[in-house]
């Protein structure tokens, strides 16, 4: 398989989302840097990780099925835009986030134009 922007975005997204989902399911307090999580928050974090699992599976699956690459890239693009906008709005509503969230926002912001470039290939 030739490594180009499209395969990089799909592969990287699949791997990262899989690792984040695994961490979020097995140890959500550690993964999100919070020691005192309520049951409601834990339930929502696990639901969020289920969305990460879906994104991971779709991205990895589309690597070997080219007809699904474009829909997977649109799914990634919409998801990353949504997460980035949500996290930036959260800064205004909730105050300064932790280092993990800031790094996540930066990576996601870089991934928006990268995913758009992959869609044009």
PDB file of N, CA and C in Angstrom:
ATOM      1  N   UNK A   1       0.841  -1.171   0.000  1.00  0.00           N
ATOM      2  CA  UNK A   1       0.000   0.000   0.000  1.00  0.00           C
ATOM      3  C   UNK A   1       0.887   1.236   0.000  1.00  0.00           C
ATOM      4  N   UNK A   2       0.609   2.127  -0.912  1.00  0.00           N
ATOM      5  CA  UNK A   2       1.384   3.352  -1.032  1.00  0.00           C
ATOM      6  C   UNK A   2       0.973   4.343   0.060  1.00  0.00           C
ATOM      7  N   UNK A   3       1.970   4.907   0.748  1.00  0.00           N
ATOM      8  CA  UNK A   3       1.684   5.888   1.790  1.00  0.00           C
ATOM      9  C   UNK A   3       1.560   7.262   1.159  1.00  0.00           C
ATOM     10  N   UNK A   4       0.348   7.791   1.158  1.00  0.00           N
ATOM     11  CA  UNK A   4       0.097   9.148   0.706  1.00  0.00           C
ATOM     12  C   UNK A   4      -0.717   9.844   1.790  1.00  0.00           C
ATOM     13  N   UNK A   5      -1.149  11.039   1.527  1.00  0.00           N
ATOM     14  CA  UNK A   5      -1.890  11.790   2.546  1.00  0.00           C
ATOM     15  C   UNK A   5      -3.142  11.041   2.973  1.00  0.00           C
ATOM     16  N   UNK A   6      -3.824  10.446   2.014  1.00  0.00           N
ATOM     17  CA  UNK A   6      -5.066   9.726   2.301  1.00  0.00           C
ATOM     18  C   UNK A   6      -4.824   8.533   3.228  1.00  0.00           C
ATOM     19  N   UNK A   7      -3.855   7.706   2.904  1.00  0.00           N
ATOM     20  CA  UNK A   7      -3.595   6.533   3.748  1.00  0.00           C
ATOM     21  C   UNK A   7      -3.007   6.941   5.100  1.00  0.00           C
ATOM     22  N   UNK A   8      -2.220   8.025   5.120  1.00  0.00           N
ATOM     23  CA  UNK A   8      -1.687   8.505   6.396  1.00  0.00           C
ATOM     24  C   UNK A   8      -2.817   8.952   7.317  1.00  0.00           C
ATOM     25  N   UNK A   9      -3.734   9.776   6.805  1.00  0.00           N
ATOM     26  CA  UNK A   9      -4.839  10.274   7.622  1.00  0.00           C
ATOM     27  C   UNK A   9      -5.698   9.115   8.129  1.00  0.00           C
ATOM     28  N   UNK A  10      -6.039   8.193   7.248  1.00  0.00           N
ATOM     29  CA  UNK A  10      -6.879   7.057   7.653  1.00  0.00           C
ATOM     30  C   UNK A  10      -6.168   6.169   8.663  1.00  0.00           C
ATOM     31  N   UNK A  11      -4.918   5.842   8.397  1.00  0.00           N
ATOM     32  CA  UNK A  11      -4.162   4.973   9.298  1.00  0.00           C
ATOM     33  C   UNK A  11      -3.889   5.623  10.639  1.00  0.00           C
ATOM     34  N   UNK A  12      -3.444   6.868  10.629  1.00  0.00           N
ATOM     35  CA  UNK A  12      -3.148   7.587  11.871  1.00  0.00           C
ATOM     36  C   UNK A  12      -4.416   7.740  12.707  1.00  0.00           C
ATOM     37  N   UNK A  13      -5.517   8.119  12.047  1.00  0.00           N
ATOM     38  CA  UNK A  13      -6.781   8.266  12.762  1.00  0.00           C
ATOM     39  C   UNK A  13      -7.210   6.939  13.374  1.00  0.00           C
ATOM     40  N   UNK A  14      -7.109   5.873  12.611  1.00  0.00           N
ATOM     41  CA  UNK A  14      -7.493   4.563  13.131  1.00  0.00           C
ATOM     42  C   UNK A  14      -6.687   4.158  14.347  1.00  0.00           C
ATOM     43  N   UNK A  15      -5.387   4.349  14.282  1.00  0.00           N
ATOM     44  CA  UNK A  15      -4.512   3.962  15.395  1.00  0.00           C
ATOM     45  C   UNK A  15      -4.765   4.832  16.622  1.00  0.00           C
ATOM     46  N   UNK A  16      -4.785   6.148  16.436  1.00  0.00           N
ATOM     47  CA  UNK A  16      -4.967   7.056  17.571  1.00  0.00           C
ATOM     48  C   UNK A  16      -6.335   6.870  18.207  1.00  0.00           C
ATOM     49  N   UNK A  17      -7.384   6.774  17.397  1.00  0.00           N
ATOM     50  CA  UNK A  17      -8.724   6.603  17.964  1.00  0.00           C
ATOM     51  C   UNK A  17      -8.852   5.267  18.678  1.00  0.00           C
ATOM     52  N   UNK A  18      -8.197   4.249  18.163  1.00  0.00           N
ATOM     53  CA  UNK A  18      -8.211   2.951  18.835  1.00  0.00           C
ATOM     54  C   UNK A  18      -7.528   3.013  20.201  1.00  0.00           C
ATOM     55  N   UNK A  19      -6.377   3.674  20.255  1.00  0.00           N
ATOM     56  CA  UNK A  19      -5.664   3.810  21.534  1.00  0.00           C
ATOM     57  C   UNK A  19      -6.446   4.661  22.531  1.00  0.00           C
ATOM     58  N   UNK A  20      -7.021   5.771  22.057  1.00  0.00           N
ATOM     59  CA  UNK A  20      -7.817   6.624  22.944  1.00  0.00           C
ATOM     60  C   UNK A  20      -9.060   5.895  23.443  1.00  0.00           C
ATOM     61  N   UNK A  21      -9.690   5.141  22.566  1.00  0.00           N
ATOM     62  CA  UNK A  21     -10.871   4.377  22.983  1.00  0.00           C
ATOM     63  C   UNK A  21     -10.508   3.323  24.021  1.00  0.00           C
ATOM     64  N   UNK A  22      -9.403   2.648  23.805  1.00  0.00           N
ATOM     65  CA  UNK A  22      -8.962   1.636  24.763  1.00  0.00           C
ATOM     66  C   UNK A  22      -8.679   2.268  26.122  1.00  0.00           C
ATOM     67  N   UNK A  23      -7.967   3.384  26.113  1.00  0.00           N
ATOM     68  CA  UNK A  23      -7.670   4.077  27.371  1.00  0.00           C
ATOM     69  C   UNK A  23      -8.941   4.599  28.020  1.00  0.00           C
ATOM     70  N   UNK A  24      -9.850   5.134  27.228  1.00  0.00           N
ATOM     71  CA  UNK A  24     -11.097   5.665  27.764  1.00  0.00           C
ATOM     72  C   UNK A  24     -11.997   4.602  28.346  1.00  0.00           C
ATOM     73  N   UNK A  25     -11.969   3.407  27.782  1.00  0.00           N
ATOM     74  CA  UNK A  25     -12.797   2.305  28.299  1.00  0.00           C
ATOM     75  C   UNK A  25     -12.188   1.676  29.553  1.00  0.00           C
ATOM     76  N   UNK A  26     -10.874   1.453  29.521  1.00  0.00           N
ATOM     77  CA  UNK A  26     -10.235   0.725  30.618  1.00  0.00           C
ATOM     78  C   UNK A  26      -9.888   1.603  31.809  1.00  0.00           C
ATOM     79  N   UNK A  27      -9.468   2.831  31.550  1.00  0.00           N
ATOM     80  CA  UNK A  27      -9.044   3.704  32.650  1.00  0.00           C
ATOM     81  C   UNK A  27      -9.405   5.152  32.348  1.00  0.00           C
ATOM     82  N   UNK A  28     -10.702   5.475  32.331  1.00  0.00           N
ATOM     83  CA  UNK A  28     -11.115   6.816  31.924  1.00  0.00           C
ATOM     84  C   UNK A  28     -10.580   7.932  32.813  1.00  0.00           C
ATOM     85  N   UNK A  29     -10.466   7.705  34.097  1.00  0.00           N
ATOM     86  CA  UNK A  29      -9.974   8.756  35.000  1.00  0.00           C
ATOM     87  C   UNK A  29      -8.537   9.119  34.651  1.00  0.00           C
ATOM     88  N   UNK A  30      -7.706   8.123  34.416  1.00  0.00           N
ATOM     89  CA  UNK A  30      -6.311   8.364  34.063  1.00  0.00           C
ATOM     90  C   UNK A  30      -6.201   8.960  32.664  1.00  0.00           C
ATOM     91  N   UNK A  31      -6.979   8.428  31.720  1.00  0.00           N
ATOM     92  CA  UNK A  31      -6.915   8.879  30.333  1.00  0.00           C
ATOM     93  C   UNK A  31      -7.311  10.340  30.201  1.00  0.00           C
ATOM     94  N   UNK A  32      -8.238  10.780  31.030  1.00  0.00           N
ATOM     95  CA  UNK A  32      -8.716  12.154  30.928  1.00  0.00           C
ATOM     96  C   UNK A  32      -8.160  13.045  32.029  1.00  0.00           C
ATOM     97  N   UNK A  33      -7.202  12.528  32.810  1.00  0.00           N
ATOM     98  CA  UNK A  33      -6.512  13.347  33.794  1.00  0.00           C
ATOM     99  C   UNK A  33      -7.389  13.827  34.932  1.00  0.00           C
ATOM    100  N   UNK A  34      -8.365  13.041  35.312  1.00  0.00           N
ATOM    101  CA  UNK A  34      -9.290  13.440  36.368  1.00  0.00           C
ATOM    102  C   UNK A  34      -9.458  12.281  37.342  1.00  0.00           C
ATOM    103  N   UNK A  35      -9.284  12.542  38.611  1.00  0.00           N
ATOM    104  CA  UNK A  35      -9.382  11.479  39.612  1.00  0.00           C
ATOM    105  C   UNK A  35     -10.784  11.291  40.170  1.00  0.00           C
ATOM    106  N   UNK A  36     -11.611  12.324  40.151  1.00  0.00           N
ATOM    107  CA  UNK A  36     -12.897  12.280  40.812  1.00  0.00           C
ATOM    108  C   UNK A  36     -14.027  12.377  39.782  1.00  0.00           C
ATOM    109  N   UNK A  37     -14.238  11.315  39.026  1.00  0.00           N
ATOM    110  CA  UNK A  37     -15.264  11.314  37.993  1.00  0.00           C
ATOM    111  C   UNK A  37     -16.551  10.704  38.541  1.00  0.00           C
ATOM    112  N   UNK A  38     -17.673  11.365  38.299  1.00  0.00           N
ATOM    113  CA  UNK A  38     -18.956  10.830  38.748  1.00  0.00           C
ATOM    114  C   UNK A  38     -19.404   9.715  37.804  1.00  0.00           C
ATOM    115  N   UNK A  39     -20.430   8.987  38.215  1.00  0.00           N
ATOM    116  CA  UNK A  39     -20.958   7.894  37.399  1.00  0.00           C
ATOM    117  C   UNK A  39     -21.513   8.419  36.079  1.00  0.00           C
ATOM    118  N   UNK A  40     -22.157   9.561  36.095  1.00  0.00           N
ATOM    119  CA  UNK A  40     -22.713  10.146  34.876  1.00  0.00           C
ATOM    120  C   UNK A  40     -21.598  10.501  33.894  1.00  0.00           C
ATOM    121  N   UNK A  41     -20.547  11.116  34.414  1.00  0.00           N
ATOM    122  CA  UNK A  41     -19.423  11.487  33.553  1.00  0.00           C
ATOM    123  C   UNK A  41     -18.750  10.233  32.999  1.00  0.00           C
ATOM    124  N   UNK A  42     -18.562   9.226  33.837  1.00  0.00           N
ATOM    125  CA  UNK A  42     -17.960   7.970  33.357  1.00  0.00           C
ATOM    126  C   UNK A  42     -18.803   7.348  32.252  1.00  0.00           C
ATOM    127  N   UNK A  43     -20.105   7.357  32.419  1.00  0.00           N
ATOM    128  CA  UNK A  43     -20.996   6.803  31.403  1.00  0.00           C
ATOM    129  C   UNK A  43     -20.863   7.573  30.092  1.00  0.00           C
ATOM    130  N   UNK A  44     -20.810   8.897  30.169  1.00  0.00           N
ATOM    131  CA  UNK A  44     -20.661   9.708  28.964  1.00  0.00           C
ATOM    132  C   UNK A  44     -19.296   9.525  28.315  1.00  0.00           C
ATOM    133  N   UNK A  45     -18.259   9.378  29.132  1.00  0.00           N
ATOM    134  CA  UNK A  45     -16.926   9.149  28.568  1.00  0.00           C
ATOM    135  C   UNK A  45     -16.865   7.805  27.850  1.00  0.00           C
ATOM    136  N   UNK A  46     -17.510   6.807  28.402  1.00  0.00           N
ATOM    137  CA  UNK A  46     -17.514   5.495  27.739  1.00  0.00           C
ATOM    138  C   UNK A  46     -18.328   5.542  26.451  1.00  0.00           C
ATOM    139  N   UNK A  47     -19.405   6.322  26.443  1.00  0.00           N
ATOM    140  CA  UNK A  47     -20.174   6.498  25.208  1.00  0.00           C
ATOM    141  C   UNK A  47     -19.320   7.222  24.163  1.00  0.00           C
ATOM    142  N   UNK A  48     -18.569   8.206  24.598  1.00  0.00           N
ATOM    143  CA  UNK A  48     -17.664   8.932  23.713  1.00  0.00           C
ATOM    144  C   UNK A  48     -16.624   7.977  23.137  1.00  0.00           C
ATOM    145  N   UNK A  49     -16.107   7.071  23.969  1.00  0.00           N
ATOM    146  CA  UNK A  49     -15.110   6.131  23.462  1.00  0.00           C
ATOM    147  C   UNK A  49     -15.721   5.159  22.462  1.00  0.00           C
ATOM    148  N   UNK A  50     -17.014   4.887  22.587  1.00  0.00           N
ATOM    149  CA  UNK A  50     -17.668   4.041  21.588  1.00  0.00           C
ATOM    150  C   UNK A  50     -17.671   4.738  20.229  1.00  0.00           C
ATOM    151  N   UNK A  51     -17.839   6.050  20.220  1.00  0.00           N
ATOM    152  CA  UNK A  51     -17.748   6.807  18.963  1.00  0.00           C
ATOM    153  C   UNK A  51     -16.330   6.733  18.415  1.00  0.00           C
ATOM    154  N   UNK A  52     -15.338   6.762  19.305  1.00  0.00           N
ATOM    155  CA  UNK A  52     -13.946   6.625  18.854  1.00  0.00           C
ATOM    156  C   UNK A  52     -13.704   5.248  18.248  1.00  0.00           C
ATOM    157  N   UNK A  53     -14.314   4.221  18.817  1.00  0.00           N
ATOM    158  CA  UNK A  53     -14.179   2.865  18.267  1.00  0.00           C
ATOM    159  C   UNK A  53     -14.769   2.815  16.860  1.00  0.00           C
ATOM    160  N   UNK A  54     -15.930   3.423  16.673  1.00  0.00           N
ATOM    161  CA  UNK A  54     -16.559   3.448  15.348  1.00  0.00           C
ATOM    162  C   UNK A  54     -15.661   4.153  14.337  1.00  0.00           C
ATOM    163  N   UNK A  55     -15.102   5.280  14.732  1.00  0.00           N
ATOM    164  CA  UNK A  55     -14.201   6.019  13.853  1.00  0.00           C
ATOM    165  C   UNK A  55     -12.957   5.198  13.535  1.00  0.00           C
ATOM    166  N   UNK A  56     -12.420   4.537  14.537  1.00  0.00           N
ATOM    167  CA  UNK A  56     -11.231   3.689  14.371  1.00  0.00           C
ATOM    168  C   UNK A  56     -11.504   2.559  13.372  1.00  0.00           C
ATOM    169  N   UNK A  57     -12.611   1.845  13.571  1.00  0.00           N
ATOM    170  CA  UNK A  57     -12.937   0.709  12.703  1.00  0.00           C
ATOM    171  C   UNK A  57     -13.166   1.169  11.267  1.00  0.00           C
ATOM    172  N   UNK A  58     -13.907   2.252  11.106  1.00  0.00           N
ATOM    173  CA  UNK A  58     -14.195   2.755   9.766  1.00  0.00           C
ATOM    174  C   UNK A  58     -12.913   3.190   9.055  1.00  0.00           C
ATOM    175  N   UNK A  59     -12.033   3.879   9.769  1.00  0.00           N
ATOM    176  CA  UNK A  59     -10.786   4.344   9.164  1.00  0.00           C
ATOM    177  C   UNK A  59      -9.900   3.168   8.756  1.00  0.00           C
ATOM    178  N   UNK A  60      -9.714   2.213   9.654  1.00  0.00           N
ATOM    179  CA  UNK A  60      -8.862   1.045   9.353  1.00  0.00           C
ATOM    180  C   UNK A  60      -9.475   0.198   8.237  1.00  0.00           C
ATOM    181  N   UNK A  61     -10.781  -0.032   8.293  1.00  0.00           N
ATOM    182  CA  UNK A  61     -11.458  -0.836   7.276  1.00  0.00           C
ATOM    183  C   UNK A  61     -11.318  -0.208   5.891  1.00  0.00           C
ATOM    184  N   UNK A  62     -11.434   1.125   5.838  1.00  0.00           N
ATOM    185  CA  UNK A  62     -11.385   1.797   4.537  1.00  0.00           C
ATOM    186  C   UNK A  62      -9.998   1.763   3.898  1.00  0.00           C
ATOM    187  N   UNK A  63      -8.968   1.481   4.689  1.00  0.00           N
ATOM    188  CA  UNK A  63      -7.625   1.377   4.107  1.00  0.00           C
ATOM    189  C   UNK A  63      -7.543   0.274   3.063  1.00  0.00           C
ATOM    190  N   UNK A  64      -8.262  -0.819   3.288  1.00  0.00           N
ATOM    191  CA  UNK A  64      -8.204  -1.928   2.338  1.00  0.00           C
ATOM    192  C   UNK A  64      -9.419  -1.975   1.411  1.00  0.00           C
ATOM    193  N   UNK A  65     -10.317  -1.023   1.542  1.00  0.00           N
ATOM    194  CA  UNK A  65     -11.503  -0.950   0.688  1.00  0.00           C
ATOM    195  C   UNK A  65     -11.631   0.482   0.172  1.00  0.00           C
ATOM    196  N   UNK A  66     -11.069   0.722  -0.993  1.00  0.00           N
ATOM    197  CA  UNK A  66     -10.947   2.092  -1.490  1.00  0.00           C
ATOM    198  C   UNK A  66     -12.289   2.793  -1.684  1.00  0.00           C
ATOM    199  N   UNK A  67     -13.347   2.035  -1.931  1.00  0.00           N
ATOM    200  CA  UNK A  67     -14.642   2.700  -2.149  1.00  0.00           C
ATOM    201  C   UNK A  67     -15.176   3.339  -0.869  1.00  0.00           C
ATOM    202  N   UNK A  68     -14.643   2.947   0.287  1.00  0.00           N
ATOM    203  CA  UNK A  68     -15.080   3.528   1.563  1.00  0.00           C
ATOM    204  C   UNK A  68     -14.146   4.627   2.076  1.00  0.00           C
ATOM    205  N   UNK A  69     -13.063   4.902   1.347  1.00  0.00           N
ATOM    206  CA  UNK A  69     -12.108   5.897   1.827  1.00  0.00           C
ATOM    207  C   UNK A  69     -12.687   7.305   1.850  1.00  0.00           C
ATOM    208  N   UNK A  70     -13.393   7.682   0.815  1.00  0.00           N
ATOM    209  CA  UNK A  70     -13.956   9.038   0.799  1.00  0.00           C
ATOM    210  C   UNK A  70     -15.003   9.231   1.905  1.00  0.00           C
ATOM    211  N   UNK A  71     -15.959   8.306   2.084  1.00  0.00           N
ATOM    212  CA  UNK A  71     -16.897   8.484   3.206  1.00  0.00           C
ATOM    213  C   UNK A  71     -16.189   8.495   4.567  1.00  0.00           C
ATOM    214  N   UNK A  72     -15.148   7.682   4.720  1.00  0.00           N
ATOM    215  CA  UNK A  72     -14.404   7.661   5.982  1.00  0.00           C
ATOM    216  C   UNK A  72     -13.708   8.999   6.216  1.00  0.00           C
ATOM    217  N   UNK A  73     -13.152   9.567   5.167  1.00  0.00           N
ATOM    218  CA  UNK A  73     -12.490  10.869   5.305  1.00  0.00           C
ATOM    219  C   UNK A  73     -13.496  11.974   5.632  1.00  0.00           C
ATOM    220  N   UNK A  74     -14.684  11.925   5.041  1.00  0.00           N
ATOM    221  CA  UNK A  74     -15.722  12.894   5.403  1.00  0.00           C
ATOM    222  C   UNK A  74     -16.134  12.727   6.864  1.00  0.00           C
ATOM    223  N   UNK A  75     -16.258  11.484   7.305  1.00  0.00           N
ATOM    224  CA  UNK A  75     -16.596  11.191   8.693  1.00  0.00           C
ATOM    225  C   UNK A  75     -15.515  11.740   9.626  1.00  0.00           C
ATOM    226  N   UNK A  76     -14.267  11.521   9.276  1.00  0.00           N
ATOM    227  CA  UNK A  76     -13.151  12.040  10.073  1.00  0.00           C
ATOM    228  C   UNK A  76     -13.189  13.569  10.089  1.00  0.00           C
ATOM    229  N   UNK A  77     -13.376  14.175   8.919  1.00  0.00           N
ATOM    230  CA  UNK A  77     -13.390  15.634   8.827  1.00  0.00           C
ATOM    231  C   UNK A  77     -14.504  16.235   9.695  1.00  0.00           C
ATOM    232  N   UNK A  78     -15.703  15.711   9.562  1.00  0.00           N
ATOM    233  CA  UNK A  78     -16.822  16.232  10.354  1.00  0.00           C
ATOM    234  C   UNK A  78     -16.608  16.010  11.851  1.00  0.00           C
ATOM    235  N   UNK A  79     -16.075  14.860  12.207  1.00  0.00           N
ATOM    236  CA  UNK A  79     -15.825  14.556  13.615  1.00  0.00           C
ATOM    237  C   UNK A  79     -14.765  15.478  14.192  1.00  0.00           C
ATOM    238  N   UNK A  80     -13.674  15.654  13.473  1.00  0.00           N
ATOM    239  CA  UNK A  80     -12.582  16.501  13.966  1.00  0.00           C
ATOM    240  C   UNK A  80     -13.023  17.963  14.067  1.00  0.00           C
ATOM    241  N   UNK A  81     -13.776  18.430  13.086  1.00  0.00           N
ATOM    242  CA  UNK A  81     -14.298  19.803  13.166  1.00  0.00           C
ATOM    243  C   UNK A  81     -15.209  19.943  14.383  1.00  0.00           C
ATOM    244  N   UNK A  82     -16.100  18.989  14.566  1.00  0.00           N
ATOM    245  CA  UNK A  82     -17.018  19.038  15.705  1.00  0.00           C
ATOM    246  C   UNK A  82     -16.303  19.018  17.041  1.00  0.00           C
ATOM    247  N   UNK A  83     -15.324  18.118  17.186  1.00  0.00           N
ATOM    248  CA  UNK A  83     -14.576  18.040  18.444  1.00  0.00           C
ATOM    249  C   UNK A  83     -13.785  19.319  18.690  1.00  0.00           C
ATOM    250  N   UNK A  84     -13.158  19.850  17.644  1.00  0.00           N
ATOM    251  CA  UNK A  84     -12.354  21.060  17.797  1.00  0.00           C
ATOM    252  C   UNK A  84     -13.235  22.253  18.189  1.00  0.00           C
ATOM    253  N   UNK A  85     -14.322  22.436  17.487  1.00  0.00           N
ATOM    254  CA  UNK A  85     -15.231  23.540  17.817  1.00  0.00           C
ATOM    255  C   UNK A  85     -15.769  23.378  19.240  1.00  0.00           C
ATOM    256  N   UNK A  86     -16.160  22.165  19.596  1.00  0.00           N
ATOM    257  CA  UNK A  86     -16.671  21.914  20.941  1.00  0.00           C
ATOM    258  C   UNK A  86     -15.644  22.206  22.023  1.00  0.00           C
ATOM    259  N   UNK A  87     -14.403  21.812  21.793  1.00  0.00           N
ATOM    260  CA  UNK A  87     -13.361  22.050  22.791  1.00  0.00           C
ATOM    261  C   UNK A  87     -13.000  23.527  22.894  1.00  0.00           C
ATOM    262  N   UNK A  88     -12.979  24.227  21.768  1.00  0.00           N
ATOM    263  CA  UNK A  88     -12.687  25.666  21.806  1.00  0.00           C
ATOM    264  C   UNK A  88     -13.817  26.406  22.519  1.00  0.00           C
ATOM    265  N   UNK A  89     -15.065  26.068  22.220  1.00  0.00           N
ATOM    266  CA  UNK A  89     -16.194  26.690  22.923  1.00  0.00           C
ATOM    267  C   UNK A  89     -16.152  26.378  24.415  1.00  0.00           C
ATOM    268  N   UNK A  90     -15.701  25.187  24.760  1.00  0.00           N
ATOM    269  CA  UNK A  90     -15.581  24.811  26.165  1.00  0.00           C
ATOM    270  C   UNK A  90     -14.565  25.680  26.897  1.00  0.00           C
ATOM    271  N   UNK A  91     -13.531  26.119  26.210  1.00  0.00           N
ATOM    272  CA  UNK A  91     -12.549  27.017  26.835  1.00  0.00           C
ATOM    273  C   UNK A  91     -13.244  28.305  27.271  1.00  0.00           C
ATOM    274  N   UNK A  92     -14.112  28.848  26.408  1.00  0.00           N
ATOM    275  CA  UNK A  92     -14.826  30.075  26.749  1.00  0.00           C
ATOM    276  C   UNK A  92     -15.842  29.847  27.866  1.00  0.00           C
ATOM    277  N   UNK A  93     -16.482  28.675  27.866  1.00  0.00           N
ATOM    278  CA  UNK A  93     -17.518  28.405  28.860  1.00  0.00           C
ATOM    279  C   UNK A  93     -16.949  27.935  30.198  1.00  0.00           C
ATOM    280  N   UNK A  94     -15.895  27.103  30.158  1.00  0.00           N
ATOM    281  CA  UNK A  94     -15.411  26.446  31.369  1.00  0.00           C
ATOM    282  C   UNK A  94     -14.055  26.935  31.852  1.00  0.00           C
ATOM    283  N   UNK A  95     -13.367  27.695  31.059  1.00  0.00           N
ATOM    284  CA  UNK A  95     -12.040  28.152  31.454  1.00  0.00           C
ATOM    285  C   UNK A  95     -10.944  27.342  30.802  1.00  0.00           C
ATOM    286  N   UNK A  96      -9.745  27.604  31.223  1.00  0.00           N
ATOM    287  CA  UNK A  96      -8.560  26.997  30.634  1.00  0.00           C
ATOM    288  C   UNK A  96      -8.536  25.479  30.845  1.00  0.00           C
ATOM    289  N   UNK A  97      -8.356  24.717  29.771  1.00  0.00           N
ATOM    290  CA  UNK A  97      -8.296  23.256  29.890  1.00  0.00           C
ATOM    291  C   UNK A  97      -6.904  22.783  30.291  1.00  0.00           C
ATOM    292  N   UNK A  98      -6.782  21.487  30.480  1.00  0.00           N
ATOM    293  CA  UNK A  98      -5.492  20.887  30.797  1.00  0.00           C
ATOM    294  C   UNK A  98      -4.620  20.762  29.561  1.00  0.00           C
ATOM    295  N   UNK A  99      -3.396  20.351  29.774  1.00  0.00           N
ATOM    296  CA  UNK A  99      -2.426  20.209  28.692  1.00  0.00           C
ATOM    297  C   UNK A  99      -2.893  19.206  27.636  1.00  0.00           C
ATOM    298  N   UNK A 100      -3.476  18.095  28.069  1.00  0.00           N
ATOM    299  CA  UNK A 100      -3.939  17.062  27.136  1.00  0.00           C
ATOM    300  C   UNK A 100      -4.954  17.654  26.158  1.00  0.00           C
ATOM    301  N   UNK A 101      -5.891  18.443  26.666  1.00  0.00           N
ATOM    302  CA  UNK A 101      -6.917  19.041  25.809  1.00  0.00           C
ATOM    303  C   UNK A 101      -6.314  20.051  24.848  1.00  0.00           C
ATOM    304  N   UNK A 102      -5.374  20.832  25.300  1.00  0.00           N
ATOM    305  CA  UNK A 102      -4.726  21.820  24.422  1.00  0.00           C
ATOM    306  C   UNK A 102      -3.981  21.113  23.289  1.00  0.00           C
ATOM    307  N   UNK A 103      -3.247  20.058  23.621  1.00  0.00           N
ATOM    308  CA  UNK A 103      -2.535  19.287  22.589  1.00  0.00           C
ATOM    309  C   UNK A 103      -3.538  18.664  21.624  1.00  0.00           C
ATOM    310  N   UNK A 104      -4.643  18.157  22.154  1.00  0.00           N
ATOM    311  CA  UNK A 104      -5.679  17.563  21.306  1.00  0.00           C
ATOM    312  C   UNK A 104      -6.245  18.587  20.337  1.00  0.00           C
ATOM    313  N   UNK A 105      -6.519  19.792  20.826  1.00  0.00           N
ATOM    314  CA  UNK A 105      -7.050  20.850  19.963  1.00  0.00           C
ATOM    315  C   UNK A 105      -6.061  21.167  18.841  1.00  0.00           C
ATOM    316  N   UNK A 106      -4.791  21.251  19.168  1.00  0.00           N
ATOM    317  CA  UNK A 106      -3.768  21.566  18.162  1.00  0.00           C
ATOM    318  C   UNK A 106      -3.680  20.458  17.112  1.00  0.00           C
ATOM    319  N   UNK A 107      -3.644  19.204  17.561  1.00  0.00           N
ATOM    320  CA  UNK A 107      -3.561  18.076  16.616  1.00  0.00           C
ATOM    321  C   UNK A 107      -4.791  18.047  15.719  1.00  0.00           C
ATOM    322  N   UNK A 108      -5.964  18.251  16.318  1.00  0.00           N
ATOM    323  CA  UNK A 108      -7.194  18.254  15.527  1.00  0.00           C
ATOM    324  C   UNK A 108      -7.215  19.414  14.542  1.00  0.00           C
ATOM    325  N   UNK A 109      -6.740  20.575  14.957  1.00  0.00           N
ATOM    326  CA  UNK A 109      -6.708  21.736  14.062  1.00  0.00           C
ATOM    327  C   UNK A 109      -5.777  21.482  12.874  1.00  0.00           C
ATOM    328  N   UNK A 110      -4.698  20.771  13.096  1.00  0.00           N
ATOM    329  CA  UNK A 110      -3.787  20.408  12.002  1.00  0.00           C
ATOM    330  C   UNK A 110      -4.440  19.372  11.094  1.00  0.00           C
ATOM    331  N   UNK A 111      -5.235  18.493  11.679  1.00  0.00           N
ATOM    332  CA  UNK A 111      -5.855  17.417  10.908  1.00  0.00           C
ATOM    333  C   UNK A 111      -6.972  17.905  10.000  1.00  0.00           C
ATOM    334  N   UNK A 112      -7.577  19.045  10.289  1.00  0.00           N
ATOM    335  CA  UNK A 112      -8.662  19.545   9.435  1.00  0.00           C
ATOM    336  C   UNK A 112      -8.155  19.809   8.017  1.00  0.00           C
ATOM    337  N   UNK A 113      -7.128  20.648   7.818  1.00  0.00           N
ATOM    338  CA  UNK A 113      -6.656  20.855   6.435  1.00  0.00           C
ATOM    339  C   UNK A 113      -5.988  19.607   5.836  1.00  0.00           C
ATOM    340  N   UNK A 114      -5.373  18.782   6.679  1.00  0.00           N
ATOM    341  CA  UNK A 114      -4.755  17.556   6.192  1.00  0.00           C
ATOM    342  C   UNK A 114      -5.817  16.605   5.641  1.00  0.00           C
ATOM    343  N   UNK A 115      -6.929  16.491   6.342  1.00  0.00           N
ATOM    344  CA  UNK A 115      -8.028  15.636   5.878  1.00  0.00           C
ATOM    345  C   UNK A 115      -8.659  16.208   4.614  1.00  0.00           C
ATOM    346  N   UNK A 116      -8.788  17.534   4.556  1.00  0.00           N
ATOM    347  CA  UNK A 116      -9.320  18.156   3.349  1.00  0.00           C
ATOM    348  C   UNK A 116      -8.406  17.896   2.150  1.00  0.00           C
ATOM    349  N   UNK A 117      -7.092  17.930   2.373  1.00  0.00           N
ATOM    350  CA  UNK A 117      -6.135  17.623   1.306  1.00  0.00           C
ATOM    351  C   UNK A 117      -6.283  16.167   0.862  1.00  0.00           C
ATOM    352  N   UNK A 118      -6.469  15.271   1.831  1.00  0.00           N
ATOM    353  CA  UNK A 118      -6.637  13.857   1.507  1.00  0.00           C
ATOM    354  C   UNK A 118      -7.896  13.625   0.681  1.00  0.00           C
ATOM    355  N   UNK A 119      -8.942  14.388   0.952  1.00  0.00           N
ATOM    356  CA  UNK A 119     -10.186  14.251   0.180  1.00  0.00           C
ATOM    357  C   UNK A 119     -10.006  14.686  -1.274  1.00  0.00           C
ATOM    358  N   UNK A 120      -9.078  15.593  -1.529  1.00  0.00           N
ATOM    359  CA  UNK A 120      -8.855  16.084  -2.892  1.00  0.00           C
ATOM    360  C   UNK A 120      -8.011  15.138  -3.727  1.00  0.00           C
ATOM    361  N   UNK A 121      -7.384  14.140  -3.090  1.00  0.00           N
ATOM    362  CA  UNK A 121      -6.542  13.197  -3.830  1.00  0.00           C
ATOM    363  C   UNK A 121      -7.384  12.247  -4.649  1.00  0.00           C
TER     364      UNK A 121
END
